[in-house]
Amino acid sequence: MNIAVYLGANEGNDPALATAVQELGRWIGESGNRLIYGGSKTGLMGLLADSALGAGAEVIGVELEMFMDEDYQHTGLTELIVKPDFPQRKTEIIRRSEAFIAFPGGTGTLEEISEVMSLSSLKLTKAPCILYNLNGYYEPLRLQLQRMVEAGLSSPERQEGIHFASDLREIQNILAENAENC
């Protein structure tokens, strides 16, 4: 399965992030899946790619030209695709992926997973959209989605492809339950 992981190029200040992202990368490799991600060698992105590669995964990075100019790209990937702008980068990652995971990240991570959430809500993808709610990171977003339903601006049916997982085991279970859709 081609698994897109959205996450930051910074490491953050919680040591649990590095531990969890390396665990995720190792699992992707050991389970025979392929990682699709933003292509950076820095921060959580670099840790994820290195751990997936170390566990035998094929890793495809989709990097922006502007980051190539800054030398942020990971040079040890199975494949590196360079796109001129964010819309083309997002389209390429979505096109290549069969499942989507948002690891804790910044505004770029939130923006990218929001597009996938919209596609899922509109039933334009059957691929699972998972927010890795490590230590409650995405809890405010989960509550906002619930509020949308309570306010009559969304529905449980619109949100059924959007999942929250607090650890890797929950991610694995969600992916296994949705395997027939991928």
C-alpha atoms as a PDB file:
ATOM      1  CA  MET A   1       0.000   0.000   0.000  1.00  0.00           C
ATOM      2  CA  ASN A   2       1.213   3.508  -0.787  1.00  0.00           C
ATOM      3  CA  ILE A   3       0.923   5.497   2.433  1.00  0.00           C
ATOM      4  CA  ALA A   4       1.207   9.285   2.379  1.00  0.00           C
ATOM      5  CA  VAL A   5       2.455  10.817   5.590  1.00  0.00           C
ATOM      6  CA  TYR A   6       2.158  14.548   6.105  1.00  0.00           C
ATOM      7  CA  LEU A   7       4.446  15.990   8.768  1.00  0.00           C
ATOM      8  CA  GLY A   8       6.831  18.773   9.526  1.00  0.00           C
ATOM      9  CA  ALA A   9      10.414  19.453   8.568  1.00  0.00           C
ATOM     10  CA  ASN A  10      11.045  20.490  12.187  1.00  0.00           C
ATOM     11  CA  GLU A  11      11.509  18.022  15.045  1.00  0.00           C
ATOM     12  CA  GLY A  12       9.349  19.842  17.572  1.00  0.00           C
ATOM     13  CA  ASN A  13      10.134  19.981  21.260  1.00  0.00           C
ATOM     14  CA  ASP A  14       8.489  16.741  22.427  1.00  0.00           C
ATOM     15  CA  PRO A  15      10.848  13.708  22.330  1.00  0.00           C
ATOM     16  CA  ALA A  16       7.786  11.469  21.854  1.00  0.00           C
ATOM     17  CA  LEU A  17       7.458  12.841  18.304  1.00  0.00           C
ATOM     18  CA  ALA A  18      10.832  11.470  17.167  1.00  0.00           C
ATOM     19  CA  THR A  19      10.177   8.109  18.810  1.00  0.00           C
ATOM     20  CA  ALA A  20       6.706   7.757  17.286  1.00  0.00           C
ATOM     21  CA  VAL A  21       7.715   8.909  13.797  1.00  0.00           C
ATOM     22  CA  GLN A  22      10.609   6.434  13.705  1.00  0.00           C
ATOM     23  CA  GLU A  23       8.263   3.664  14.860  1.00  0.00           C
ATOM     24  CA  LEU A  24       5.848   4.611  12.067  1.00  0.00           C
ATOM     25  CA  GLY A  25       8.619   4.595   9.469  1.00  0.00           C
ATOM     26  CA  ARG A  26       9.933   1.210  10.617  1.00  0.00           C
ATOM     27  CA  TRP A  27       6.439  -0.265  10.479  1.00  0.00           C
ATOM     28  CA  ILE A  28       5.880   1.058   6.953  1.00  0.00           C
ATOM     29  CA  GLY A  29       9.075  -0.658   5.827  1.00  0.00           C
ATOM     30  CA  GLU A  30       8.674  -3.893   7.772  1.00  0.00           C
ATOM     31  CA  SER A  31       5.080  -4.343   6.602  1.00  0.00           C
ATOM     32  CA  GLY A  32       6.013  -4.013   2.936  1.00  0.00           C
ATOM     33  CA  ASN A  33       4.292  -0.688   2.384  1.00  0.00           C
ATOM     34  CA  ARG A  34       5.643   2.287   0.420  1.00  0.00           C
ATOM     35  CA  LEU A  35       6.055   5.762   1.926  1.00  0.00           C
ATOM     36  CA  ILE A  36       5.037   8.879   0.017  1.00  0.00           C
ATOM     37  CA  TYR A  37       6.002  12.130   1.719  1.00  0.00           C
ATOM     38  CA  GLY A  38       7.289  15.664   1.155  1.00  0.00           C
ATOM     39  CA  GLY A  39      10.882  14.731   0.326  1.00  0.00           C
ATOM     40  CA  SER A  40      12.823  16.642   2.986  1.00  0.00           C
ATOM     41  CA  LYS A  41      15.858  15.371   4.879  1.00  0.00           C
ATOM     42  CA  THR A  42      15.228  17.617   7.883  1.00  0.00           C
ATOM     43  CA  GLY A  43      13.255  17.260  11.096  1.00  0.00           C
ATOM     44  CA  LEU A  44      10.503  14.697  11.462  1.00  0.00           C
ATOM     45  CA  MET A  45      10.382  14.249   7.690  1.00  0.00           C
ATOM     46  CA  GLY A  46      14.009  13.094   7.620  1.00  0.00           C
ATOM     47  CA  LEU A  47      13.537  10.788  10.617  1.00  0.00           C
ATOM     48  CA  LEU A  48      10.489   9.188   8.986  1.00  0.00           C
ATOM     49  CA  ALA A  49      12.230   8.648   5.654  1.00  0.00           C
ATOM     50  CA  ASP A  50      15.405   7.282   7.238  1.00  0.00           C
ATOM     51  CA  SER A  51      13.534   4.824   9.441  1.00  0.00           C
ATOM     52  CA  ALA A  52      11.346   3.623   6.548  1.00  0.00           C
ATOM     53  CA  LEU A  53      14.367   3.217   4.270  1.00  0.00           C
ATOM     54  CA  GLY A  54      16.259   1.415   7.035  1.00  0.00           C
ATOM     55  CA  ALA A  55      13.380  -1.052   7.327  1.00  0.00           C
ATOM     56  CA  GLY A  56      13.390  -1.775   3.585  1.00  0.00           C
ATOM     57  CA  ALA A  57      10.616   0.492   2.352  1.00  0.00           C
ATOM     58  CA  GLU A  58      10.525   2.210  -0.978  1.00  0.00           C
ATOM     59  CA  VAL A  59      10.323   5.910  -0.189  1.00  0.00           C
ATOM     60  CA  ILE A  60       9.071   8.459  -2.689  1.00  0.00           C
ATOM     61  CA  GLY A  61       9.587  12.130  -1.909  1.00  0.00           C
ATOM     62  CA  VAL A  62       7.668  14.902  -3.627  1.00  0.00           C
ATOM     63  CA  GLU A  63       9.720  18.042  -3.100  1.00  0.00           C
ATOM     64  CA  LEU A  64       9.223  21.640  -4.139  1.00  0.00           C
ATOM     65  CA  GLU A  65      11.700  23.403  -6.420  1.00  0.00           C
ATOM     66  CA  MET A  66      12.115  26.169  -3.835  1.00  0.00           C
ATOM     67  CA  PHE A  67      13.294  23.627  -1.255  1.00  0.00           C
ATOM     68  CA  MET A  68      15.683  22.083  -3.759  1.00  0.00           C
ATOM     69  CA  ASP A  69      17.322  25.492  -4.020  1.00  0.00           C
ATOM     70  CA  GLU A  70      17.792  25.437  -0.234  1.00  0.00           C
ATOM     71  CA  ASP A  71      19.170  21.841  -0.353  1.00  0.00           C
ATOM     72  CA  TYR A  72      16.450  20.418   1.903  1.00  0.00           C
ATOM     73  CA  GLN A  73      15.818  17.355  -0.273  1.00  0.00           C
ATOM     74  CA  HIS A  74      16.646  13.862   0.958  1.00  0.00           C
ATOM     75  CA  THR A  75      19.239  12.369  -1.382  1.00  0.00           C
ATOM     76  CA  GLY A  76      18.805   8.715  -0.385  1.00  0.00           C
ATOM     77  CA  LEU A  77      15.235   8.155  -1.529  1.00  0.00           C
ATOM     78  CA  THR A  78      13.983   5.496  -3.898  1.00  0.00           C
ATOM     79  CA  GLU A  79      12.531   8.290  -6.006  1.00  0.00           C
ATOM     80  CA  LEU A  80      12.509  12.075  -5.736  1.00  0.00           C
ATOM     81  CA  ILE A  81       9.910  14.016  -7.706  1.00  0.00           C
ATOM     82  CA  VAL A  82      10.292  17.777  -7.960  1.00  0.00           C
ATOM     83  CA  LYS A  83       7.259  20.021  -8.446  1.00  0.00           C
ATOM     84  CA  PRO A  84       7.205  23.779  -9.060  1.00  0.00           C
ATOM     85  CA  ASP A  85       4.435  24.666  -6.591  1.00  0.00           C
ATOM     86  CA  PHE A  86       2.328  23.439  -3.688  1.00  0.00           C
ATOM     87  CA  PRO A  87      -0.820  22.593  -5.682  1.00  0.00           C
ATOM     88  CA  GLN A  88       1.143  20.291  -8.007  1.00  0.00           C
ATOM     89  CA  ARG A  89       2.980  18.734  -5.060  1.00  0.00           C
ATOM     90  CA  LYS A  90      -0.286  18.004  -3.250  1.00  0.00           C
ATOM     91  CA  THR A  91      -1.880  16.577  -6.389  1.00  0.00           C
ATOM     92  CA  GLU A  92       1.090  14.247  -6.944  1.00  0.00           C
ATOM     93  CA  ILE A  93       1.061  12.952  -3.376  1.00  0.00           C
ATOM     94  CA  ILE A  94      -2.699  12.367  -3.478  1.00  0.00           C
ATOM     95  CA  ARG A  95      -2.496  10.681  -6.892  1.00  0.00           C
ATOM     96  CA  ARG A  96       0.125   8.210  -5.690  1.00  0.00           C
ATOM     97  CA  SER A  97      -1.394   7.352  -2.298  1.00  0.00           C
ATOM     98  CA  GLU A  98      -3.882   4.808  -1.028  1.00  0.00           C
ATOM     99  CA  ALA A  99      -3.968   5.974   2.593  1.00  0.00           C
ATOM    100  CA  PHE A 100      -3.186   9.267   4.288  1.00  0.00           C
ATOM    101  CA  ILE A 101      -1.718   9.939   7.722  1.00  0.00           C
ATOM    102  CA  ALA A 102      -1.251  13.372   9.280  1.00  0.00           C
ATOM    103  CA  PHE A 103       1.484  13.115  11.892  1.00  0.00           C
ATOM    104  CA  PRO A 104       1.682  16.106  14.271  1.00  0.00           C
ATOM    105  CA  GLY A 105       2.979  19.024  12.238  1.00  0.00           C
ATOM    106  CA  GLY A 106       2.533  22.697  11.464  1.00  0.00           C
ATOM    107  CA  THR A 107       0.337  24.723   9.157  1.00  0.00           C
ATOM    108  CA  GLY A 108       1.577  22.947   6.014  1.00  0.00           C
ATOM    109  CA  THR A 109       0.619  19.575   7.472  1.00  0.00           C
ATOM    110  CA  LEU A 110      -2.799  20.886   8.449  1.00  0.00           C
ATOM    111  CA  GLU A 111      -3.361  22.420   5.025  1.00  0.00           C
ATOM    112  CA  GLU A 112      -2.417  19.221   3.188  1.00  0.00           C
ATOM    113  CA  ILE A 113      -4.516  16.871   5.319  1.00  0.00           C
ATOM    114  CA  SER A 114      -7.452  19.309   5.114  1.00  0.00           C
ATOM    115  CA  GLU A 115      -7.595  18.761   1.369  1.00  0.00           C
ATOM    116  CA  VAL A 116      -7.691  14.994   1.891  1.00  0.00           C
ATOM    117  CA  MET A 117     -10.384  15.411   4.541  1.00  0.00           C
ATOM    118  CA  SER A 118     -12.467  17.376   2.021  1.00  0.00           C
ATOM    119  CA  LEU A 119     -11.985  14.719  -0.650  1.00  0.00           C
ATOM    120  CA  SER A 120     -13.036  12.059   1.849  1.00  0.00           C
ATOM    121  CA  SER A 121     -16.056  14.086   2.964  1.00  0.00           C
ATOM    122  CA  LEU A 122     -17.204  14.456  -0.635  1.00  0.00           C
ATOM    123  CA  LYS A 123     -16.617  10.727  -1.256  1.00  0.00           C
ATOM    124  CA  LEU A 124     -14.034  11.565  -3.942  1.00  0.00           C
ATOM    125  CA  THR A 125     -11.630   9.140  -2.265  1.00  0.00           C
ATOM    126  CA  LYS A 126     -12.200   5.956  -0.332  1.00  0.00           C
ATOM    127  CA  ALA A 127      -8.679   6.050   1.050  1.00  0.00           C
ATOM    128  CA  PRO A 128      -8.580   6.372   4.830  1.00  0.00           C
ATOM    129  CA  CYS A 129      -7.620   9.783   6.205  1.00  0.00           C
ATOM    130  CA  ILE A 130      -5.953   9.313   9.596  1.00  0.00           C
ATOM    131  CA  LEU A 131      -4.936  12.034  12.005  1.00  0.00           C
ATOM    132  CA  TYR A 132      -2.249  10.662  14.304  1.00  0.00           C
ATOM    133  CA  ASN A 133      -3.555  12.082  17.559  1.00  0.00           C
ATOM    134  CA  LEU A 134      -0.321  11.451  19.470  1.00  0.00           C
ATOM    135  CA  ASN A 135      -0.665  12.752  23.025  1.00  0.00           C
ATOM    136  CA  GLY A 136      -3.923  14.464  21.996  1.00  0.00           C
ATOM    137  CA  TYR A 137      -2.255  16.668  19.382  1.00  0.00           C
ATOM    138  CA  TYR A 138      -5.288  16.711  17.051  1.00  0.00           C
ATOM    139  CA  GLU A 139      -7.922  16.683  19.813  1.00  0.00           C
ATOM    140  CA  PRO A 140      -9.015  20.306  19.139  1.00  0.00           C
ATOM    141  CA  LEU A 141      -9.579  19.388  15.474  1.00  0.00           C
ATOM    142  CA  ARG A 142     -11.552  16.275  16.441  1.00  0.00           C
ATOM    143  CA  LEU A 143     -13.744  18.448  18.653  1.00  0.00           C
ATOM    144  CA  GLN A 144     -14.185  21.003  15.850  1.00  0.00           C
ATOM    145  CA  LEU A 145     -15.355  18.295  13.443  1.00  0.00           C
ATOM    146  CA  GLN A 146     -17.791  17.091  16.102  1.00  0.00           C
ATOM    147  CA  ARG A 147     -19.014  20.668  16.544  1.00  0.00           C
ATOM    148  CA  MET A 148     -19.632  20.926  12.788  1.00  0.00           C
ATOM    149  CA  VAL A 149     -21.956  17.925  13.028  1.00  0.00           C
ATOM    150  CA  GLU A 150     -23.710  19.316  16.126  1.00  0.00           C
ATOM    151  CA  ALA A 151     -24.240  22.640  14.318  1.00  0.00           C
ATOM    152  CA  GLY A 152     -25.775  20.872  11.327  1.00  0.00           C
ATOM    153  CA  LEU A 153     -22.951  21.998   9.024  1.00  0.00           C
ATOM    154  CA  SER A 154     -21.623  18.492   8.468  1.00  0.00           C
ATOM    155  CA  SER A 155     -22.832  14.973   9.140  1.00  0.00           C
ATOM    156  CA  PRO A 156     -21.437  11.720  10.491  1.00  0.00           C
ATOM    157  CA  GLU A 157     -21.686  10.324   6.944  1.00  0.00           C
ATOM    158  CA  ARG A 158     -19.512  13.163   5.631  1.00  0.00           C
ATOM    159  CA  GLN A 159     -16.876  12.401   8.241  1.00  0.00           C
ATOM    160  CA  GLU A 160     -16.854   8.616   8.163  1.00  0.00           C
ATOM    161  CA  GLY A 161     -13.584   8.427   6.198  1.00  0.00           C
ATOM    162  CA  ILE A 162     -11.791  10.674   8.707  1.00  0.00           C
ATOM    163  CA  HIS A 163     -10.173   8.801  11.582  1.00  0.00           C
ATOM    164  CA  PHE A 164      -8.228   9.742  14.692  1.00  0.00           C
ATOM    165  CA  ALA A 165      -5.615   7.339  16.065  1.00  0.00           C
ATOM    166  CA  SER A 166      -3.654   7.795  19.265  1.00  0.00           C
ATOM    167  CA  ASP A 167      -0.933   5.265  18.440  1.00  0.00           C
ATOM    168  CA  LEU A 168       0.504   3.038  15.730  1.00  0.00           C
ATOM    169  CA  ARG A 169      -1.679   0.061  16.665  1.00  0.00           C
ATOM    170  CA  GLU A 170      -4.824   2.116  16.038  1.00  0.00           C
ATOM    171  CA  ILE A 171      -3.398   3.246  12.678  1.00  0.00           C
ATOM    172  CA  GLN A 172      -2.720  -0.376  11.758  1.00  0.00           C
ATOM    173  CA  ASN A 173      -6.272  -1.358  12.715  1.00  0.00           C
ATOM    174  CA  ILE A 174      -7.816   1.463  10.674  1.00  0.00           C
ATOM    175  CA  LEU A 175      -5.726   0.542   7.632  1.00  0.00           C
ATOM    176  CA  ALA A 176      -6.600  -3.156   8.000  1.00  0.00           C
ATOM    177  CA  GLU A 177     -10.323  -2.355   8.268  1.00  0.00           C
ATOM    178  CA  ASN A 178     -10.135  -0.193   5.157  1.00  0.00           C
ATOM    179  CA  ALA A 179      -7.825  -2.434   3.105  1.00  0.00           C
ATOM    180  CA  GLU A 180     -10.576  -3.412   0.682  1.00  0.00           C
ATOM    181  CA  ASN A 181     -11.061   0.250  -0.267  1.00  0.00           C
ATOM    182  CA  CYS A 182      -7.411   0.886  -1.023  1.00  0.00           C
END
